N, C-alpha and C. Protein backbone atom coordinates (compact mmCIF):
# COMPACT_ATOMS: atom_id res chain seq x y z
N MET A 1 70.23 145.29 89.07
CA MET A 1 69.11 146.17 88.77
C MET A 1 69.25 147.52 89.46
N TRP A 2 70.31 147.75 90.21
CA TRP A 2 70.44 149.02 90.92
C TRP A 2 70.34 150.20 89.97
N LEU A 3 71.01 150.14 88.84
CA LEU A 3 70.97 151.22 87.88
C LEU A 3 70.84 150.61 86.49
N GLN A 4 69.65 150.62 85.97
CA GLN A 4 69.38 149.97 84.70
C GLN A 4 68.59 150.93 83.81
N THR A 5 69.01 151.06 82.57
CA THR A 5 68.30 151.92 81.63
C THR A 5 66.94 151.34 81.30
N MET A 6 65.95 152.20 81.21
CA MET A 6 64.60 151.77 80.86
C MET A 6 64.50 151.53 79.36
N PRO A 7 63.62 150.62 78.97
CA PRO A 7 63.34 150.51 77.54
C PRO A 7 62.77 151.83 77.02
N ALA A 8 63.06 152.17 75.78
CA ALA A 8 62.67 153.47 75.21
C ALA A 8 61.16 153.69 75.26
N ASP A 9 60.37 152.66 75.00
CA ASP A 9 58.91 152.84 75.02
C ASP A 9 58.41 153.13 76.43
N GLN A 10 59.01 152.50 77.43
CA GLN A 10 58.62 152.78 78.82
C GLN A 10 59.02 154.21 79.20
N ALA A 11 60.22 154.62 78.83
CA ALA A 11 60.68 155.97 79.14
C ALA A 11 59.76 157.01 78.51
N GLU A 12 59.38 156.80 77.27
CA GLU A 12 58.50 157.74 76.58
C GLU A 12 57.13 157.82 77.25
N ARG A 13 56.58 156.68 77.63
CA ARG A 13 55.28 156.64 78.30
C ARG A 13 55.35 157.35 79.64
N LEU A 14 56.40 157.09 80.42
CA LEU A 14 56.56 157.73 81.72
C LEU A 14 56.76 159.24 81.60
N ARG A 15 57.54 159.66 80.60
CA ARG A 15 57.74 161.09 80.36
C ARG A 15 56.40 161.76 80.06
N ASP A 16 55.61 161.15 79.17
CA ASP A 16 54.31 161.72 78.82
C ASP A 16 53.38 161.81 80.03
N GLU A 17 53.35 160.75 80.85
CA GLU A 17 52.50 160.75 82.05
C GLU A 17 52.97 161.82 83.04
N ALA A 18 54.28 161.95 83.21
CA ALA A 18 54.82 162.95 84.14
C ALA A 18 54.47 164.36 83.68
N LEU A 19 54.55 164.60 82.39
CA LEU A 19 54.26 165.94 81.87
C LEU A 19 52.78 166.29 81.98
N ARG A 20 51.92 165.28 82.10
CA ARG A 20 50.48 165.53 82.27
C ARG A 20 50.07 165.60 83.75
N HIS A 21 50.99 165.31 84.64
CA HIS A 21 50.69 165.32 86.07
C HIS A 21 50.28 166.73 86.49
N PRO A 22 49.31 166.87 87.41
CA PRO A 22 48.87 168.20 87.85
C PRO A 22 49.98 169.09 88.42
N ALA A 23 51.02 168.50 88.98
CA ALA A 23 52.11 169.29 89.54
C ALA A 23 53.19 169.62 88.52
N ALA A 24 53.07 169.10 87.31
CA ALA A 24 54.09 169.32 86.29
C ALA A 24 54.05 170.75 85.77
N ALA A 25 55.22 171.30 85.52
CA ALA A 25 55.34 172.63 84.93
C ALA A 25 55.62 172.51 83.45
N GLU A 26 55.13 173.46 82.71
CA GLU A 26 55.34 173.46 81.27
C GLU A 26 56.81 173.70 80.95
N GLY A 27 57.31 173.00 79.96
CA GLY A 27 58.67 173.22 79.49
C GLY A 27 59.76 172.46 80.23
N VAL A 28 59.41 171.66 81.23
CA VAL A 28 60.41 170.89 81.96
C VAL A 28 60.85 169.72 81.08
N SER A 29 62.15 169.55 80.96
CA SER A 29 62.66 168.40 80.22
C SER A 29 63.45 167.53 81.19
N TYR A 30 63.52 166.26 80.85
CA TYR A 30 64.19 165.30 81.72
C TYR A 30 65.50 164.85 81.07
N PRO A 31 66.59 164.92 81.82
CA PRO A 31 67.87 164.44 81.28
C PRO A 31 67.85 162.93 81.12
N ASP A 32 68.69 162.42 80.25
CA ASP A 32 68.72 160.98 79.99
C ASP A 32 68.94 160.15 81.26
N TRP A 33 69.77 160.65 82.17
CA TRP A 33 70.06 159.88 83.38
C TRP A 33 68.82 159.66 84.23
N TYR A 34 67.77 160.44 84.02
CA TYR A 34 66.55 160.29 84.82
C TYR A 34 65.74 159.07 84.43
N PHE A 35 66.03 158.52 83.25
CA PHE A 35 65.30 157.35 82.77
C PHE A 35 66.06 156.08 83.10
N LYS A 36 66.30 155.90 84.37
CA LYS A 36 66.97 154.72 84.91
C LYS A 36 66.07 154.11 85.97
N ARG A 37 66.25 152.84 86.17
CA ARG A 37 65.54 152.16 87.27
C ARG A 37 66.46 152.25 88.49
N TRP A 38 66.24 153.28 89.26
CA TRP A 38 67.08 153.54 90.43
C TRP A 38 66.61 152.72 91.63
N HIS A 39 67.55 152.20 92.39
CA HIS A 39 67.26 151.58 93.69
C HIS A 39 66.11 150.57 93.61
N PHE A 40 66.03 149.84 92.56
CA PHE A 40 64.96 148.84 92.38
C PHE A 40 63.58 149.46 92.20
N LEU A 41 63.54 150.74 91.88
CA LEU A 41 62.26 151.38 91.59
C LEU A 41 61.95 151.13 90.12
N PRO A 42 60.84 150.47 89.83
CA PRO A 42 60.58 150.05 88.45
C PRO A 42 60.46 151.17 87.44
N GLU A 43 60.04 152.35 87.86
CA GLU A 43 59.90 153.48 86.94
C GLU A 43 60.83 154.63 87.33
N GLY A 44 61.95 154.33 87.96
CA GLY A 44 62.82 155.41 88.42
C GLY A 44 62.05 156.29 89.37
N TYR A 45 62.08 157.60 89.16
CA TYR A 45 61.30 158.52 89.99
C TYR A 45 60.11 159.07 89.21
N LEU A 46 59.77 158.41 88.10
CA LEU A 46 58.75 158.94 87.20
C LEU A 46 57.41 158.23 87.29
N SER A 47 56.98 157.93 88.49
CA SER A 47 55.62 157.41 88.68
C SER A 47 55.22 157.61 90.14
N GLU A 48 53.93 157.62 90.35
CA GLU A 48 53.41 157.71 91.72
C GLU A 48 53.88 156.50 92.53
N ARG A 49 53.84 155.33 91.90
CA ARG A 49 54.25 154.10 92.59
C ARG A 49 55.71 154.19 93.04
N SER A 50 56.59 154.62 92.15
CA SER A 50 58.00 154.69 92.53
C SER A 50 58.26 155.77 93.58
N ALA A 51 57.56 156.89 93.50
CA ALA A 51 57.72 157.94 94.52
C ALA A 51 57.28 157.40 95.88
N THR A 52 56.19 156.66 95.90
CA THR A 52 55.71 156.06 97.15
C THR A 52 56.68 155.02 97.67
N LEU A 53 57.17 154.15 96.78
CA LEU A 53 58.15 153.14 97.18
C LEU A 53 59.42 153.79 97.73
N TYR A 54 59.86 154.85 97.08
CA TYR A 54 61.05 155.55 97.56
C TYR A 54 60.82 156.04 98.99
N ASP A 55 59.70 156.71 99.21
CA ASP A 55 59.43 157.31 100.51
C ASP A 55 59.26 156.27 101.60
N ARG A 56 58.64 155.15 101.27
CA ARG A 56 58.34 154.14 102.29
C ARG A 56 59.43 153.09 102.48
N VAL A 57 60.24 152.84 101.44
CA VAL A 57 61.22 151.76 101.52
C VAL A 57 62.65 152.26 101.37
N ILE A 58 62.95 152.95 100.29
CA ILE A 58 64.33 153.34 100.00
C ILE A 58 64.83 154.41 100.96
N ARG A 59 64.04 155.47 101.18
CA ARG A 59 64.44 156.56 102.07
C ARG A 59 64.81 156.05 103.46
N PRO A 60 63.97 155.20 104.09
CA PRO A 60 64.36 154.71 105.42
C PRO A 60 65.67 153.91 105.43
N VAL A 61 65.94 153.19 104.34
CA VAL A 61 67.19 152.42 104.27
C VAL A 61 68.39 153.37 104.24
N TYR A 62 68.32 154.39 103.38
CA TYR A 62 69.43 155.34 103.25
C TYR A 62 69.55 156.26 104.46
N TRP A 63 68.41 156.65 105.02
CA TRP A 63 68.42 157.66 106.07
C TRP A 63 68.17 157.11 107.47
N ALA A 64 68.05 155.80 107.61
CA ALA A 64 67.76 155.21 108.92
C ALA A 64 68.72 155.74 109.99
N GLY A 65 68.17 156.35 110.98
CA GLY A 65 68.97 156.84 112.09
C GLY A 65 69.65 158.18 111.86
N SER A 66 69.69 158.67 110.64
CA SER A 66 70.42 159.91 110.40
C SER A 66 69.55 161.07 109.93
N GLU A 67 68.32 160.80 109.54
CA GLU A 67 67.47 161.85 108.99
C GLU A 67 67.26 163.00 109.99
N GLY A 68 66.96 162.67 111.23
CA GLY A 68 66.77 163.70 112.25
C GLY A 68 68.05 164.45 112.54
N ARG A 69 69.16 163.74 112.59
CA ARG A 69 70.46 164.37 112.88
C ARG A 69 70.83 165.33 111.75
N VAL A 70 70.63 164.93 110.51
CA VAL A 70 70.94 165.80 109.37
C VAL A 70 70.09 167.07 109.45
N ALA A 71 68.80 166.91 109.74
CA ALA A 71 67.91 168.07 109.84
C ALA A 71 68.39 169.02 110.95
N ARG A 72 68.79 168.47 112.10
CA ARG A 72 69.28 169.31 113.20
C ARG A 72 70.56 170.05 112.82
N LEU A 73 71.49 169.35 112.15
CA LEU A 73 72.75 169.97 111.74
C LEU A 73 72.52 171.10 110.74
N ILE A 74 71.68 170.86 109.76
CA ILE A 74 71.40 171.89 108.77
C ILE A 74 70.67 173.07 109.41
N ALA A 75 69.72 172.78 110.30
CA ALA A 75 68.98 173.85 110.98
C ALA A 75 69.94 174.71 111.81
N ARG A 76 70.86 174.08 112.53
CA ARG A 76 71.83 174.85 113.33
C ARG A 76 72.71 175.72 112.43
N TRP A 77 73.13 175.15 111.31
CA TRP A 77 73.96 175.90 110.38
C TRP A 77 73.19 177.11 109.84
N LEU A 78 71.94 176.90 109.46
CA LEU A 78 71.12 178.00 108.96
C LEU A 78 70.91 179.07 110.03
N GLU A 79 70.72 178.65 111.27
CA GLU A 79 70.58 179.62 112.37
C GLU A 79 71.85 180.44 112.52
N ARG A 80 73.01 179.78 112.47
CA ARG A 80 74.28 180.49 112.62
C ARG A 80 74.52 181.48 111.48
N THR A 81 74.10 181.12 110.28
CA THR A 81 74.34 182.00 109.13
C THR A 81 73.34 183.15 109.09
N GLY A 82 72.21 183.01 109.79
CA GLY A 82 71.18 184.03 109.76
C GLY A 82 70.37 184.01 108.47
N ALA A 83 70.42 182.91 107.74
CA ALA A 83 69.69 182.79 106.47
C ALA A 83 68.19 182.97 106.70
N ARG A 84 67.57 183.79 105.87
CA ARG A 84 66.12 184.02 105.95
C ARG A 84 65.39 183.44 104.74
N ARG A 85 66.10 183.25 103.63
CA ARG A 85 65.51 182.67 102.41
C ARG A 85 66.40 181.52 101.98
N VAL A 86 65.84 180.30 101.94
CA VAL A 86 66.62 179.11 101.69
C VAL A 86 65.99 178.31 100.54
N LEU A 87 66.84 177.85 99.65
CA LEU A 87 66.41 177.01 98.54
C LEU A 87 66.94 175.61 98.75
N GLU A 88 66.05 174.61 98.68
CA GLU A 88 66.50 173.22 98.72
C GLU A 88 66.42 172.64 97.32
N LEU A 89 67.50 171.99 96.92
CA LEU A 89 67.54 171.31 95.64
C LEU A 89 67.11 169.86 95.83
N ALA A 90 66.22 169.40 94.98
CA ALA A 90 65.79 168.01 94.95
C ALA A 90 65.31 167.51 96.32
N PRO A 91 64.23 168.09 96.85
CA PRO A 91 63.77 167.69 98.18
C PRO A 91 63.11 166.31 98.22
N GLY A 92 62.93 165.66 97.07
CA GLY A 92 62.28 164.36 97.06
C GLY A 92 60.91 164.47 97.70
N PRO A 93 60.62 163.63 98.68
CA PRO A 93 59.30 163.67 99.31
C PRO A 93 59.10 164.85 100.27
N GLY A 94 60.11 165.66 100.48
CA GLY A 94 59.95 166.89 101.26
C GLY A 94 60.06 166.75 102.76
N ARG A 95 60.58 165.67 103.24
CA ARG A 95 60.66 165.47 104.69
C ARG A 95 61.65 166.42 105.37
N LEU A 96 62.82 166.63 104.75
CA LEU A 96 63.79 167.57 105.33
C LEU A 96 63.21 168.98 105.32
N LEU A 97 62.61 169.36 104.23
CA LEU A 97 62.00 170.68 104.11
C LEU A 97 60.94 170.89 105.20
N ALA A 98 60.12 169.87 105.44
CA ALA A 98 59.09 169.97 106.48
C ALA A 98 59.71 170.13 107.87
N ARG A 99 60.75 169.35 108.15
CA ARG A 99 61.41 169.45 109.46
C ARG A 99 62.05 170.82 109.66
N LEU A 100 62.72 171.29 108.63
CA LEU A 100 63.37 172.60 108.75
C LEU A 100 62.34 173.71 108.90
N SER A 101 61.24 173.61 108.19
CA SER A 101 60.18 174.62 108.28
C SER A 101 59.59 174.67 109.69
N GLU A 102 59.43 173.51 110.30
CA GLU A 102 58.91 173.46 111.67
C GLU A 102 59.90 174.06 112.65
N ARG A 103 61.16 173.74 112.47
CA ARG A 103 62.17 174.21 113.41
C ARG A 103 62.51 175.69 113.21
N LEU A 104 62.40 176.18 111.97
CA LEU A 104 62.77 177.55 111.65
C LEU A 104 61.58 178.27 111.01
N PRO A 105 60.55 178.58 111.78
CA PRO A 105 59.33 179.15 111.20
C PRO A 105 59.52 180.54 110.58
N GLY A 106 60.57 181.25 110.93
CA GLY A 106 60.80 182.57 110.35
C GLY A 106 61.58 182.55 109.05
N VAL A 107 61.94 181.36 108.60
CA VAL A 107 62.72 181.23 107.37
C VAL A 107 61.78 180.87 106.22
N GLU A 108 61.97 181.52 105.09
CA GLU A 108 61.19 181.20 103.89
C GLU A 108 61.94 180.12 103.11
N PHE A 109 61.31 178.97 102.97
CA PHE A 109 61.91 177.86 102.24
C PHE A 109 61.23 177.70 100.89
N ARG A 110 62.04 177.46 99.87
CA ARG A 110 61.55 177.13 98.53
C ARG A 110 62.35 175.92 98.07
N ALA A 111 61.85 175.26 97.03
CA ALA A 111 62.54 174.06 96.55
C ALA A 111 62.30 173.89 95.05
N VAL A 112 63.21 173.15 94.43
CA VAL A 112 63.06 172.76 93.03
C VAL A 112 63.29 171.25 92.95
N GLU A 113 62.33 170.57 92.33
CA GLU A 113 62.32 169.10 92.28
C GLU A 113 61.93 168.66 90.87
N LEU A 114 62.62 167.66 90.34
CA LEU A 114 62.39 167.20 88.98
C LEU A 114 61.20 166.25 88.84
N SER A 115 60.89 165.49 89.84
CA SER A 115 59.76 164.56 89.76
C SER A 115 58.46 165.26 90.15
N PRO A 116 57.48 165.32 89.25
CA PRO A 116 56.22 165.96 89.63
C PRO A 116 55.51 165.20 90.75
N TYR A 117 55.80 163.93 90.88
CA TYR A 117 55.20 163.12 91.95
C TYR A 117 55.77 163.54 93.30
N PHE A 118 57.07 163.82 93.36
CA PHE A 118 57.67 164.34 94.59
C PHE A 118 57.24 165.78 94.84
N VAL A 119 57.06 166.57 93.78
CA VAL A 119 56.57 167.94 93.95
C VAL A 119 55.22 167.90 94.66
N ALA A 120 54.32 167.05 94.18
CA ALA A 120 52.99 166.94 94.79
C ALA A 120 53.09 166.48 96.24
N GLY A 121 53.96 165.52 96.52
CA GLY A 121 54.13 165.03 97.89
C GLY A 121 54.69 166.09 98.82
N THR A 122 55.67 166.85 98.32
CA THR A 122 56.26 167.92 99.12
C THR A 122 55.24 169.01 99.40
N ARG A 123 54.47 169.37 98.39
CA ARG A 123 53.44 170.38 98.59
C ARG A 123 52.40 169.91 99.61
N ALA A 124 52.01 168.66 99.55
CA ALA A 124 51.03 168.12 100.51
C ALA A 124 51.61 168.13 101.92
N ARG A 125 52.86 167.76 102.04
CA ARG A 125 53.51 167.70 103.36
C ARG A 125 53.74 169.09 103.93
N ARG A 126 53.96 170.07 103.08
CA ARG A 126 54.28 171.42 103.52
C ARG A 126 53.12 172.39 103.38
N GLY A 127 51.93 171.93 103.08
CA GLY A 127 50.81 172.85 102.94
C GLY A 127 50.92 173.71 101.70
N ASN A 128 51.17 173.08 100.59
CA ASN A 128 51.28 173.74 99.28
C ASN A 128 52.43 174.75 99.25
N ALA A 129 53.56 174.33 99.77
CA ALA A 129 54.75 175.19 99.82
C ALA A 129 55.23 175.57 98.42
N ALA A 130 56.12 176.51 98.38
CA ALA A 130 56.68 176.99 97.13
C ALA A 130 57.70 175.98 96.60
N VAL A 131 57.20 174.95 95.95
CA VAL A 131 58.05 173.93 95.36
C VAL A 131 57.84 173.99 93.86
N VAL A 132 58.93 174.22 93.15
CA VAL A 132 58.88 174.37 91.70
C VAL A 132 59.24 173.04 91.04
N HIS A 133 58.46 172.66 90.04
CA HIS A 133 58.80 171.49 89.24
C HIS A 133 59.84 171.92 88.22
N GLY A 134 61.03 171.36 88.31
CA GLY A 134 62.08 171.70 87.37
C GLY A 134 63.37 170.98 87.68
N ASP A 135 64.36 171.23 86.85
CA ASP A 135 65.67 170.61 86.94
C ASP A 135 66.56 171.49 87.82
N ALA A 136 67.07 170.94 88.91
CA ALA A 136 67.88 171.71 89.86
C ALA A 136 69.20 172.17 89.26
N ARG A 137 69.52 171.68 88.08
CA ARG A 137 70.73 172.16 87.40
C ARG A 137 70.45 173.48 86.67
N ARG A 138 69.18 173.89 86.64
CA ARG A 138 68.78 175.13 85.95
C ARG A 138 68.04 176.01 86.96
N LEU A 139 68.77 176.68 87.79
CA LEU A 139 68.18 177.42 88.90
C LEU A 139 67.46 178.69 88.46
N GLU A 140 67.58 179.08 87.21
CA GLU A 140 66.83 180.25 86.75
C GLU A 140 65.33 180.01 86.79
N GLN A 141 64.92 178.75 86.96
CA GLN A 141 63.50 178.42 87.08
C GLN A 141 62.90 178.87 88.40
N VAL A 142 63.75 179.13 89.38
CA VAL A 142 63.30 179.50 90.71
C VAL A 142 63.52 180.99 90.89
N ALA A 143 62.43 181.73 91.03
CA ALA A 143 62.53 183.17 91.18
C ALA A 143 63.06 183.52 92.56
N GLY A 144 63.85 184.57 92.64
CA GLY A 144 64.26 185.08 93.93
C GLY A 144 65.75 185.00 94.18
N VAL A 145 66.12 185.59 95.31
CA VAL A 145 67.49 185.59 95.78
C VAL A 145 67.48 184.83 97.10
N PHE A 146 68.48 184.00 97.31
CA PHE A 146 68.52 183.15 98.49
C PHE A 146 69.78 183.38 99.30
N ASP A 147 69.65 183.24 100.60
CA ASP A 147 70.79 183.36 101.50
C ASP A 147 71.57 182.05 101.57
N ALA A 148 70.89 180.95 101.30
CA ALA A 148 71.53 179.64 101.37
C ALA A 148 70.84 178.67 100.41
N VAL A 149 71.63 177.75 99.90
CA VAL A 149 71.10 176.67 99.07
C VAL A 149 71.56 175.38 99.73
N ILE A 150 70.61 174.47 99.94
CA ILE A 150 70.91 173.21 100.60
C ILE A 150 70.47 172.04 99.72
N GLU A 151 71.05 170.90 99.98
CA GLU A 151 70.60 169.64 99.39
C GLU A 151 71.15 168.53 100.26
N ALA A 152 70.38 167.49 100.37
CA ALA A 152 70.81 166.40 101.26
C ALA A 152 70.99 165.07 100.53
N HIS A 153 70.34 164.90 99.41
CA HIS A 153 70.42 163.59 98.73
C HIS A 153 70.25 163.79 97.23
N TYR A 154 71.06 164.68 96.67
CA TYR A 154 70.91 165.03 95.26
C TYR A 154 71.99 164.34 94.46
């Protein structure tokens, strides 16, 4: 069940619900690979339940012991580069973005995330940060010029 295609009716229902989510942006489309049951998440990343399960169960398994270290390494790299505007691709629940924002308060962070449920979670965690609902493969959705682009689990 690690990677299993969803039945078409379930995928259609989840797509419709995601597009009606308050954090959803108009015109966002989902690639076929997004309609998979990832990591035992019953709705992939396309439900509030799966976003919560990811944050509480899957994320700690993948990041146990390394989440803080990764944040420190990326923060040091950003400090060395002098980056002032940073874009994160696929921040998921926004924990890395929150850590980096705390450590580097003079840096403007923005993000693009495909799951509207993760967009809402990241905005809540970051105080309504500039997180765009969209496909990170289409960066024209994110306005601006950036000194650095980061991703940790895309």
